[in-house]
C-alpha atoms as a PDB file:
ATOM      1  CA  MET A   1       0.499  -0.050  -0.101  1.00  0.00           C
ATOM      2  CA  ASP A   2       1.489   3.513  -1.142  1.00  0.00           C
ATOM      3  CA  THR A   3       1.812   6.469   1.261  1.00  0.00           C
ATOM      4  CA  THR A   4      -0.970   7.967  -0.163  1.00  0.00           C
ATOM      5  CA  ASN A   5      -3.294   5.066   0.364  1.00  0.00           C
ATOM      6  CA  VAL A   6      -1.958   4.905   3.993  1.00  0.00           C
ATOM      7  CA  PHE A   7      -3.228   8.262   4.704  1.00  0.00           C
ATOM      8  CA  LEU A   8      -6.719   7.757   3.168  1.00  0.00           C
ATOM      9  CA  LYS A   9      -7.230   4.408   4.969  1.00  0.00           C
ATOM     10  CA  ASP A  10      -5.894   6.473   8.337  1.00  0.00           C
ATOM     11  CA  TRP A  11      -8.780   9.994   7.783  1.00  0.00           C
ATOM     12  CA  HIS A  12     -11.588   7.077   7.031  1.00  0.00           C
ATOM     13  CA  ARG A  13     -10.879   5.340  10.260  1.00  0.00           C
ATOM     14  CA  ARG A  14     -10.581   8.567  12.190  1.00  0.00           C
ATOM     15  CA  PHE A  15     -13.624   9.723  10.751  1.00  0.00           C
ATOM     16  CA  ALA A  16     -15.960   6.859   9.532  1.00  0.00           C
ATOM     17  CA  GLY A  17     -19.819   7.369  11.372  1.00  0.00           C
ATOM     18  CA  GLN A  18     -19.497  10.860  11.118  1.00  0.00           C
ATOM     19  CA  ARG A  19     -19.474  11.473   7.707  1.00  0.00           C
ATOM     20  CA  PHE A  20     -22.071  10.217   6.005  1.00  0.00           C
ATOM     21  CA  GLY A  21     -23.819  13.332   4.438  1.00  0.00           C
ATOM     22  CA  PHE A  22     -21.241  15.842   3.546  1.00  0.00           C
ATOM     23  CA  PHE A  23     -21.022  16.182   0.016  1.00  0.00           C
ATOM     24  CA  GLU A  24     -25.188  17.056   0.559  1.00  0.00           C
ATOM     25  CA  GLN A  25     -23.973  20.150   2.410  1.00  0.00           C
ATOM     26  CA  PHE A  26     -23.504  21.545  -0.657  1.00  0.00           C
ATOM     27  CA  GLY A  27     -25.766  21.483  -3.736  1.00  0.00           C
ATOM     28  CA  LEU A  28     -26.131  22.530  -7.200  1.00  0.00           C
ATOM     29  CA  GLU A  29     -26.850  25.639  -8.857  1.00  0.00           C
ATOM     30  CA  ASN A  30     -30.554  23.386  -9.730  1.00  0.00           C
ATOM     31  CA  GLY A  31     -31.196  22.331  -6.087  1.00  0.00           C
ATOM     32  CA  THR A  32     -30.355  19.221  -6.716  1.00  0.00           C
ATOM     33  CA  THR A  33     -27.398  17.368  -4.861  1.00  0.00           C
ATOM     34  CA  SER A  34     -24.383  15.629  -6.653  1.00  0.00           C
ATOM     35  CA  TYR A  35     -25.362  12.371  -5.720  1.00  0.00           C
ATOM     36  CA  GLU A  36     -28.747  12.645  -7.569  1.00  0.00           C
ATOM     37  CA  ALA A  37     -27.290  14.514 -10.133  1.00  0.00           C
ATOM     38  CA  LEU A  38     -24.568  11.052 -11.012  1.00  0.00           C
ATOM     39  CA  VAL A  39     -27.161   8.917 -10.720  1.00  0.00           C
ATOM     40  CA  THR A  40     -29.281  10.566 -13.109  1.00  0.00           C
ATOM     41  CA  ALA A  41     -25.886  10.640 -15.418  1.00  0.00           C
ATOM     42  CA  ALA A  42     -26.015   6.957 -15.042  1.00  0.00           C
ATOM     43  CA  GLU A  43     -29.743   6.648 -16.021  1.00  0.00           C
ATOM     44  CA  LEU A  44     -29.929   3.249 -14.343  1.00  0.00           C
ATOM     45  CA  ARG A  45     -32.417   0.531 -15.668  1.00  0.00           C
ATOM     46  CA  PRO A  46     -34.462  -2.114 -13.389  1.00  0.00           C
ATOM     47  CA  TYR A  47     -32.110  -5.354 -12.713  1.00  0.00           C
ATOM     48  CA  GLN A  48     -28.568  -3.999 -13.655  1.00  0.00           C
ATOM     49  CA  THR A  49     -25.506  -4.628 -11.455  1.00  0.00           C
ATOM     50  CA  VAL A  50     -24.277  -0.966 -10.396  1.00  0.00           C
ATOM     51  CA  VAL A  51     -20.834  -0.880  -8.603  1.00  0.00           C
ATOM     52  CA  ASP A  52     -20.133   1.870  -6.520  1.00  0.00           C
ATOM     53  CA  LEU A  53     -16.928   2.490  -6.090  1.00  0.00           C
ATOM     54  CA  GLY A  54     -14.838   4.016  -2.977  1.00  0.00           C
ATOM     55  CA  CYS A  55     -18.346   3.875  -1.314  1.00  0.00           C
ATOM     56  CA  GLY A  56     -17.405   4.985   2.152  1.00  0.00           C
ATOM     57  CA  GLU A  57     -20.300   5.118   4.436  1.00  0.00           C
ATOM     58  CA  GLY A  58     -22.771   4.269   1.017  1.00  0.00           C
ATOM     59  CA  PRO A  59     -24.174   7.490   1.265  1.00  0.00           C
ATOM     60  CA  LEU A  60     -24.993   6.781  -2.986  1.00  0.00           C
ATOM     61  CA  LEU A  61     -26.594   4.263  -2.195  1.00  0.00           C
ATOM     62  CA  ARG A  62     -30.013   6.220  -0.862  1.00  0.00           C
ATOM     63  CA  TYR A  63     -30.390   7.558  -4.418  1.00  0.00           C
ATOM     64  CA  VAL A  64     -29.407   4.432  -6.362  1.00  0.00           C
ATOM     65  CA  ARG A  65     -31.838   2.439  -4.712  1.00  0.00           C
ATOM     66  CA  ARG A  66     -34.641   3.268  -5.876  1.00  0.00           C
ATOM     67  CA  CYS A  67     -33.770   2.492  -9.334  1.00  0.00           C
ATOM     68  CA  ASP A  68     -34.569  -1.210  -7.967  1.00  0.00           C
ATOM     69  CA  VAL A  69     -30.216  -2.598  -8.864  1.00  0.00           C
ATOM     70  CA  ARG A  70     -28.128  -4.658  -7.625  1.00  0.00           C
ATOM     71  CA  TYR A  71     -26.210  -1.935  -6.251  1.00  0.00           C
ATOM     72  CA  ILE A  72     -22.192  -3.382  -5.325  1.00  0.00           C
ATOM     73  CA  GLY A  73     -20.291  -1.256  -2.818  1.00  0.00           C
ATOM     74  CA  VAL A  74     -16.712  -1.320  -2.538  1.00  0.00           C
ATOM     75  CA  ASP A  75     -14.393   0.285  -1.056  1.00  0.00           C
ATOM     76  CA  PHE A  76     -10.664  -0.081   0.695  1.00  0.00           C
ATOM     77  CA  SER A  77     -12.133   1.058   4.302  1.00  0.00           C
ATOM     78  CA  ALA A  78     -13.213  -1.474   6.781  1.00  0.00           C
ATOM     79  CA  ALA A  79     -14.317   1.417   9.201  1.00  0.00           C
ATOM     80  CA  SER A  80     -16.242   2.770   6.089  1.00  0.00           C
ATOM     81  CA  LEU A  81     -18.062  -0.271   5.419  1.00  0.00           C
ATOM     82  CA  THR A  82     -18.775  -1.041   8.602  1.00  0.00           C
ATOM     83  CA  ALA A  83     -20.296   2.268   9.688  1.00  0.00           C
ATOM     84  CA  ALA A  84     -22.773   1.563   6.622  1.00  0.00           C
ATOM     85  CA  ARG A  85     -23.764  -1.904   6.959  1.00  0.00           C
ATOM     86  CA  GLN A  86     -25.253  -0.190  10.455  1.00  0.00           C
ATOM     87  CA  HIS A  87     -26.407   2.795   8.812  1.00  0.00           C
ATOM     88  CA  PHE A  88     -28.358   0.425   6.127  1.00  0.00           C
ATOM     89  CA  GLY A  89     -28.925  -2.662   8.102  1.00  0.00           C
ATOM     90  CA  THR A  90     -30.178  -5.117   6.284  1.00  0.00           C
ATOM     91  CA  THR A  91     -30.827  -4.350   2.869  1.00  0.00           C
ATOM     92  CA  ASP A  92     -29.895  -6.415  -0.503  1.00  0.00           C
ATOM     93  CA  ALA A  93     -26.913  -4.453  -1.131  1.00  0.00           C
ATOM     94  CA  GLU A  94     -23.741  -5.679  -1.239  1.00  0.00           C
ATOM     95  CA  PHE A  95     -20.758  -4.260   0.486  1.00  0.00           C
ATOM     96  CA  VAL A  96     -17.062  -5.432  -0.380  1.00  0.00           C
ATOM     97  CA  GLU A  97     -13.877  -4.821   1.382  1.00  0.00           C
ATOM     98  CA  ALA A  98     -11.037  -4.466  -1.533  1.00  0.00           C
ATOM     99  CA  ASP A  99      -8.418  -2.152  -3.081  1.00  0.00           C
ATOM    100  CA  ALA A 100     -10.637  -0.755  -6.266  1.00  0.00           C
ATOM    101  CA  GLY A 101      -7.366  -2.124  -8.648  1.00  0.00           C
ATOM    102  CA  GLN A 102      -8.022  -6.178  -7.370  1.00  0.00           C
ATOM    103  CA  MET A 103     -11.862  -6.024  -7.237  1.00  0.00           C
ATOM    104  CA  PRO A 104     -13.146  -9.735  -6.352  1.00  0.00           C
ATOM    105  CA  LEU A 105     -16.449  -9.498  -9.049  1.00  0.00           C
ATOM    106  CA  PRO A 106     -15.403 -11.565 -12.594  1.00  0.00           C
ATOM    107  CA  ASP A 107     -15.157 -10.146 -15.669  1.00  0.00           C
ATOM    108  CA  ALA A 108     -17.436  -8.411 -17.606  1.00  0.00           C
ATOM    109  CA  SER A 109     -20.369  -8.984 -14.704  1.00  0.00           C
ATOM    110  CA  CYS A 110     -20.916  -5.440 -13.688  1.00  0.00           C
ATOM    111  CA  ASP A 111     -23.517  -2.672 -15.947  1.00  0.00           C
ATOM    112  CA  VAL A 112     -23.017   0.226 -14.538  1.00  0.00           C
ATOM    113  CA  VAL A 113     -19.817   1.758 -11.910  1.00  0.00           C
ATOM    114  CA  LEU A 114     -20.194   5.030  -9.987  1.00  0.00           C
ATOM    115  CA  SER A 115     -17.583   6.650  -8.088  1.00  0.00           C
ATOM    116  CA  HIS A 116     -18.802   9.678  -6.709  1.00  0.00           C
ATOM    117  CA  MET A 117     -15.251  12.088  -5.546  1.00  0.00           C
ATOM    118  CA  ALA A 118     -12.801   9.248  -5.206  1.00  0.00           C
ATOM    119  CA  LEU A 119     -11.318   8.263  -8.293  1.00  0.00           C
ATOM    120  CA  HIS A 120      -8.904  11.358  -8.691  1.00  0.00           C
ATOM    121  CA  ILE A 121      -7.548   9.966  -5.261  1.00  0.00           C
ATOM    122  CA  MET A 122      -6.637   6.886  -6.309  1.00  0.00           C
ATOM    123  CA  GLN A 123      -2.812   6.201  -6.712  1.00  0.00           C
ATOM    124  CA  PRO A 124      -1.829   5.202  -9.644  1.00  0.00           C
ATOM    125  CA  VAL A 125      -5.678   5.474 -11.281  1.00  0.00           C
ATOM    126  CA  GLU A 126      -4.043   3.299 -15.111  1.00  0.00           C
ATOM    127  CA  PRO A 127      -5.109   0.482 -12.631  1.00  0.00           C
ATOM    128  CA  VAL A 128      -8.235   1.230 -11.415  1.00  0.00           C
ATOM    129  CA  LEU A 129      -9.479   2.404 -14.672  1.00  0.00           C
ATOM    130  CA  CYS A 130      -8.224  -1.334 -15.896  1.00  0.00           C
ATOM    131  CA  GLU A 131      -9.696  -2.635 -13.012  1.00  0.00           C
ATOM    132  CA  ILE A 132     -13.327  -0.910 -13.926  1.00  0.00           C
ATOM    133  CA  ALA A 133     -13.080  -1.695 -17.515  1.00  0.00           C
ATOM    134  CA  ARG A 134     -12.148  -5.297 -16.347  1.00  0.00           C
ATOM    135  CA  VAL A 135     -15.911  -5.573 -14.974  1.00  0.00           C
ATOM    136  CA  LEU A 136     -17.714  -4.305 -17.038  1.00  0.00           C
ATOM    137  CA  LYS A 137     -19.801  -5.295 -19.535  1.00  0.00           C
ATOM    138  CA  PRO A 138     -19.439  -4.530 -23.287  1.00  0.00           C
ATOM    139  CA  ASN A 139     -21.769  -0.688 -23.443  1.00  0.00           C
ATOM    140  CA  GLY A 140     -20.919  -0.925 -20.011  1.00  0.00           C
ATOM    141  CA  THR A 141     -20.309   2.692 -18.472  1.00  0.00           C
ATOM    142  CA  LEU A 142     -18.115   4.296 -16.014  1.00  0.00           C
ATOM    143  CA  HIS A 143     -19.647   7.771 -14.559  1.00  0.00           C
ATOM    144  CA  VAL A 144     -17.777   9.833 -12.082  1.00  0.00           C
ATOM    145  CA  LEU A 145     -18.254  13.241  -9.875  1.00  0.00           C
ATOM    146  CA  LEU A 146     -14.599  14.180  -9.942  1.00  0.00           C
ATOM    147  CA  PRO A 147     -13.790  18.324  -9.370  1.00  0.00           C
ATOM    148  CA  ALA A 148     -13.176  20.312 -12.568  1.00  0.00           C
ATOM    149  CA  ALA A 149     -10.446  22.505 -13.778  1.00  0.00           C
ATOM    150  CA  TRP A 150     -10.860  26.363 -12.503  1.00  0.00           C
ATOM    151  CA  ARG A 151     -12.657  27.776 -15.688  1.00  0.00           C
ATOM    152  CA  ILE A 152     -11.210  31.388 -17.443  1.00  0.00           C
ATOM    153  CA  PRO A 153     -12.228  33.458 -17.077  1.00  0.00           C
ATOM    154  CA  SER A 154     -13.631  31.580 -13.357  1.00  0.00           C
ATOM    155  CA  SER A 155     -16.363  32.988 -10.967  1.00  0.00           C
ATOM    156  CA  GLY A 156     -15.376  35.116  -8.302  1.00  0.00           C
ATOM    157  CA  GLU A 157     -17.209  32.674  -6.359  1.00  0.00           C
ATOM    158  CA  ALA A 158     -15.064  30.151  -7.339  1.00  0.00           C
ATOM    159  CA  ARG A 159     -11.586  32.085  -6.864  1.00  0.00           C
ATOM    160  CA  ARG A 160     -12.894  32.766  -2.966  1.00  0.00           C
ATOM    161  CA  PHE A 161     -13.216  29.078  -2.568  1.00  0.00           C
ATOM    162  CA  HIS A 162      -9.635  28.316  -3.880  1.00  0.00           C
ATOM    163  CA  ASP A 163      -8.650  30.860  -1.534  1.00  0.00           C
ATOM    164  CA  VAL A 164     -10.226  29.742   1.234  1.00  0.00           C
ATOM    165  CA  MET A 165      -9.283  25.802   0.257  1.00  0.00           C
ATOM    166  CA  HIS A 166      -5.467  26.766   0.937  1.00  0.00           C
ATOM    167  CA  LEU A 167      -5.918  28.622   4.259  1.00  0.00           C
ATOM    168  CA  PHE A 168      -4.914  25.517   5.906  1.00  0.00           C
ATOM    169  CA  GLN A 169      -0.991  24.866   4.254  1.00  0.00           C
ATOM    170  CA  GLN A 170       0.263  28.163   6.884  1.00  0.00           C
ATOM    171  CA  PHE A 171      -0.553  25.311   9.421  1.00  0.00           C
ATOM    172  CA  LYS A 172       2.554  23.123   8.899  1.00  0.00           C
ATOM    173  CA  ASP A 173       1.308  20.329  11.704  1.00  0.00           C
ATOM    174  CA  VAL A 174      -0.872  18.687   9.838  1.00  0.00           C
ATOM    175  CA  SER A 175      -0.050  15.135   9.083  1.00  0.00           C
ATOM    176  CA  THR A 176      -0.540  15.059   4.991  1.00  0.00           C
ATOM    177  CA  PRO A 177       2.352  12.389   4.453  1.00  0.00           C
ATOM    178  CA  THR A 178       2.348  12.370   0.094  1.00  0.00           C
ATOM    179  CA  ARG A 179      -0.185  14.793  -2.645  1.00  0.00           C
ATOM    180  CA  VAL A 180      -4.080  12.790  -1.775  1.00  0.00           C
ATOM    181  CA  GLY A 181      -5.396  12.804  -5.353  1.00  0.00           C
ATOM    182  CA  THR A 182      -3.673  12.607  -8.846  1.00  0.00           C
ATOM    183  CA  GLY A 183      -2.287  15.693 -11.427  1.00  0.00           C
ATOM    184  CA  THR A 184      -2.993  13.903 -14.545  1.00  0.00           C
ATOM    185  CA  PHE A 185      -7.340  14.139 -13.717  1.00  0.00           C
ATOM    186  CA  ALA A 186      -6.455  18.146 -13.967  1.00  0.00           C
ATOM    187  CA  THR A 187      -8.611  18.624 -18.126  1.00  0.00           C
ATOM    188  CA  GLU A 188     -10.613  17.383 -19.354  1.00  0.00           C
ATOM    189  CA  PRO A 189      -7.493  16.817 -22.504  1.00  0.00           C
ATOM    190  CA  SER A 190      -5.513  14.575 -19.579  1.00  0.00           C
ATOM    191  CA  ILE A 191      -8.346  13.102 -18.009  1.00  0.00           C
ATOM    192  CA  VAL A 192      -9.778  11.326 -21.763  1.00  0.00           C
ATOM    193  CA  ASP A 193      -6.008  10.407 -22.114  1.00  0.00           C
ATOM    194  CA  THR A 194      -6.016   8.571 -19.496  1.00  0.00           C
ATOM    195  CA  ILE A 195      -9.491   7.309 -19.889  1.00  0.00           C
ATOM    196  CA  MET A 196      -8.621   5.656 -22.446  1.00  0.00           C
ATOM    197  CA  ARG A 197      -5.376   4.537 -21.653  1.00  0.00           C
ATOM    198  CA  GLY A 198      -7.019   2.153 -18.973  1.00  0.00           C
ATOM    199  CA  PHE A 199      -9.327   0.768 -21.553  1.00  0.00           C
ATOM    200  CA  ALA A 200      -6.863  -0.018 -24.168  1.00  0.00           C
ATOM    201  CA  GLY A 201      -7.660   3.149 -26.335  1.00  0.00           C
ATOM    202  CA  LYS A 202     -11.508   1.292 -26.629  1.00  0.00           C
ATOM    203  CA  ALA A 203     -14.423   3.890 -25.125  1.00  0.00           C
ATOM    204  CA  THR A 204     -16.171   7.008 -25.440  1.00  0.00           C
ATOM    205  CA  VAL A 205     -15.482  10.092 -23.015  1.00  0.00           C
ATOM    206  CA  SER A 206     -18.656  13.083 -22.647  1.00  0.00           C
ATOM    207  CA  PHE A 207     -18.251  15.924 -19.638  1.00  0.00           C
ATOM    208  CA  THR A 208     -21.302  17.468 -18.171  1.00  0.00           C
ATOM    209  CA  TYR A 209     -20.533  20.481 -15.350  1.00  0.00           C
ATOM    210  CA  ALA A 210     -22.229  21.453 -12.740  1.00  0.00           C
ATOM    211  CA  ASP A 211     -20.842  23.358 -10.105  1.00  0.00           C
ATOM    212  CA  LEU A 212     -21.237  22.639  -6.076  1.00  0.00           C
ATOM    213  CA  VAL A 213     -22.773  25.877  -4.382  1.00  0.00           C
ATOM    214  CA  MET A 214     -22.691  27.096  -0.606  1.00  0.00           C
ATOM    215  CA  HIS A 215     -24.439  29.946   0.457  1.00  0.00           C
ATOM    216  CA  ARG A 216     -24.150  30.117   4.181  1.00  0.00           C
ATOM    217  CA  PRO A 217     -23.443  32.808   7.299  1.00  0.00           C
ATOM    218  CA  PRO A 218     -19.931  32.055   7.958  1.00  0.00           C
ATOM    219  CA  THR A 219     -19.887  30.368  11.108  1.00  0.00           C
ATOM    220  CA  GLU A 220     -22.407  27.500   9.508  1.00  0.00           C
ATOM    221  CA  ALA A 221     -20.247  28.003   6.130  1.00  0.00           C
ATOM    222  CA  LEU A 222     -16.476  26.825   8.363  1.00  0.00           C
ATOM    223  CA  THR A 223     -17.691  23.256   9.956  1.00  0.00           C
ATOM    224  CA  PRO A 224     -17.311  22.127   6.279  1.00  0.00           C
ATOM    225  CA  PHE A 225     -14.424  22.812   5.334  1.00  0.00           C
ATOM    226  CA  LEU A 226     -13.260  22.311   9.190  1.00  0.00           C
ATOM    227  CA  TRP A 227     -14.268  18.436   8.608  1.00  0.00           C
ATOM    228  CA  ALA A 228     -12.939  18.711   4.287  1.00  0.00           C
ATOM    229  CA  TYR A 229      -9.664  19.252   5.915  1.00  0.00           C
ATOM    230  CA  ALA A 230      -7.728  17.342   8.359  1.00  0.00           C
ATOM    231  CA  PHE A 231      -7.991  19.882  11.408  1.00  0.00           C
ATOM    232  CA  ASP A 232      -8.115  16.897  13.511  1.00  0.00           C
ATOM    233  CA  LEU A 233      -4.361  16.294  13.103  1.00  0.00           C
ATOM    234  CA  ILE A 234      -3.618  19.975  13.956  1.00  0.00           C
ATOM    235  CA  HIS A 235      -2.126  20.056  17.514  1.00  0.00           C
ATOM    236  CA  ASP A 236      -3.889  21.436  19.585  1.00  0.00           C
ATOM    237  CA  ALA A 237      -3.012  24.566  20.991  1.00  0.00           C
ATOM    238  CA  HIS A 238      -2.588  25.224  17.145  1.00  0.00           C
ATOM    239  CA  GLN A 239      -6.289  24.325  16.954  1.00  0.00           C
ATOM    240  CA  PRO A 240      -7.916  27.644  18.186  1.00  0.00           C
ATOM    241  CA  GLU A 241      -5.976  30.078  16.100  1.00  0.00           C
ATOM    242  CA  ALA A 242      -6.300  27.384  12.760  1.00  0.00           C
ATOM    243  CA  ALA A 243     -10.211  27.675  13.704  1.00  0.00           C
ATOM    244  CA  LYS A 244     -10.176  32.170  13.925  1.00  0.00           C
ATOM    245  CA  THR A 245      -7.959  32.269  10.652  1.00  0.00           C
ATOM    246  CA  PHE A 246     -10.506  30.182   8.719  1.00  0.00           C
ATOM    247  CA  LEU A 247     -13.941  32.323  10.868  1.00  0.00           C
ATOM    248  CA  THR A 248     -12.318  35.987   9.619  1.00  0.00           C
ATOM    249  CA  LYS A 249     -11.817  34.910   6.550  1.00  0.00           C
ATOM    250  CA  LEU A 250     -15.119  33.943   5.817  1.00  0.00           C
ATOM    251  CA  ILE A 251     -16.231  36.827   7.288  1.00  0.00           C
ATOM    252  CA  THR A 252     -14.138  38.650   4.822  1.00  0.00           C
ATOM    253  CA  LEU A 253     -16.281  37.185   2.601  1.00  0.00           C
ATOM    254  CA  LYS A 254     -20.202  37.605   3.998  1.00  0.00           C
ATOM    255  CA  GLU A 255     -21.865  40.182   1.179  1.00  0.00           C
ATOM    256  CA  GLY A 256     -24.927  42.075   2.463  1.00  0.00           C
ATOM    257  CA  ASP A 257     -27.749  39.426   3.382  1.00  0.00           C
ATOM    258  CA  GLY A 258     -24.667  38.012   5.808  1.00  0.00           C
ATOM    259  CA  LEU A 259     -24.028  34.783   3.428  1.00  0.00           C
ATOM    260  CA  VAL A 260     -20.948  33.999   2.262  1.00  0.00           C
ATOM    261  CA  ARG A 261     -21.193  32.329  -0.830  1.00  0.00           C
ATOM    262  CA  LEU A 262     -18.896  29.997  -2.489  1.00  0.00           C
ATOM    263  CA  ARG A 263     -18.822  27.604  -5.910  1.00  0.00           C
ATOM    264  CA  ARG A 264     -16.753  24.633  -6.639  1.00  0.00           C
ATOM    265  CA  PRO A 265     -16.646  23.461 -10.072  1.00  0.00           C
ATOM    266  CA  MET A 266     -17.506  19.937 -10.661  1.00  0.00           C
ATOM    267  CA  ALA A 267     -17.552  17.711 -13.732  1.00  0.00           C
ATOM    268  CA  ILE A 268     -19.716  14.163 -14.224  1.00  0.00           C
ATOM    269  CA  VAL A 269     -17.559  12.523 -16.175  1.00  0.00           C
ATOM    270  CA  SER A 270     -19.469   9.187 -18.337  1.00  0.00           C
ATOM    271  CA  VAL A 271     -17.341   7.091 -19.631  1.00  0.00           C
ATOM    272  CA  ARG A 272     -19.382   3.654 -22.414  1.00  0.00           C
ATOM    273  CA  LYS A 273     -16.782   0.790 -22.741  1.00  0.00           C
ATOM    274  CA  ALA A 274     -16.475  -0.771 -26.437  1.00  0.00           C
END
């Protein structure tokens, strides 16, 4: 296991059971959640076999189960899968502890693979894509939600999100042993290139863009940002200073109605196996 996976597994261990609805705190402009958008893009049909890759605690299952499909959640974190099983109780869902690059699933056994904010932090990503291509049936599809490149001209809200997102870099004792995520997903051409290598050049790739937005008072906006970063790894003596710095920044972004408006460009990448 490389250092990125060690970091991510420890992160899941620390937060298992506490982050189930994290991305539901950020809506899309049309009022839906990013989970709903991903499931809508997949156009699921009854009786399909659907794999949720990097499922974590299973929040996507709440949306997938409406479509009467067979759900298989795959994650390498035992702690997160335990939380998922506890949350959903006895259901028809299956949760499998496995590395994304070595799924214990037969060849051509799945109709759809979904991945919500997970594929871009898997390193190396090419073996994972090869494995996805292996388990998908001919004409099967992969649908991935991941951060999009900052579009030019980037909106003021997006720029503010970027500024806030980098505040914790000044607190040097945050224990991130290696860069999390892959630079190959920085732009649309690089996404296509990476996916085509993983699918041996036999796939079609399309994009749908949407922005995650958060319109909240500063004190309410603070909480999800603290969760998004390894705030608990900041030395106890420095946590008050870090939280104050973060809140001060958010207060400066407050508009006349008292709300902070932040936006993060996202993309849903849809891939059809040849």
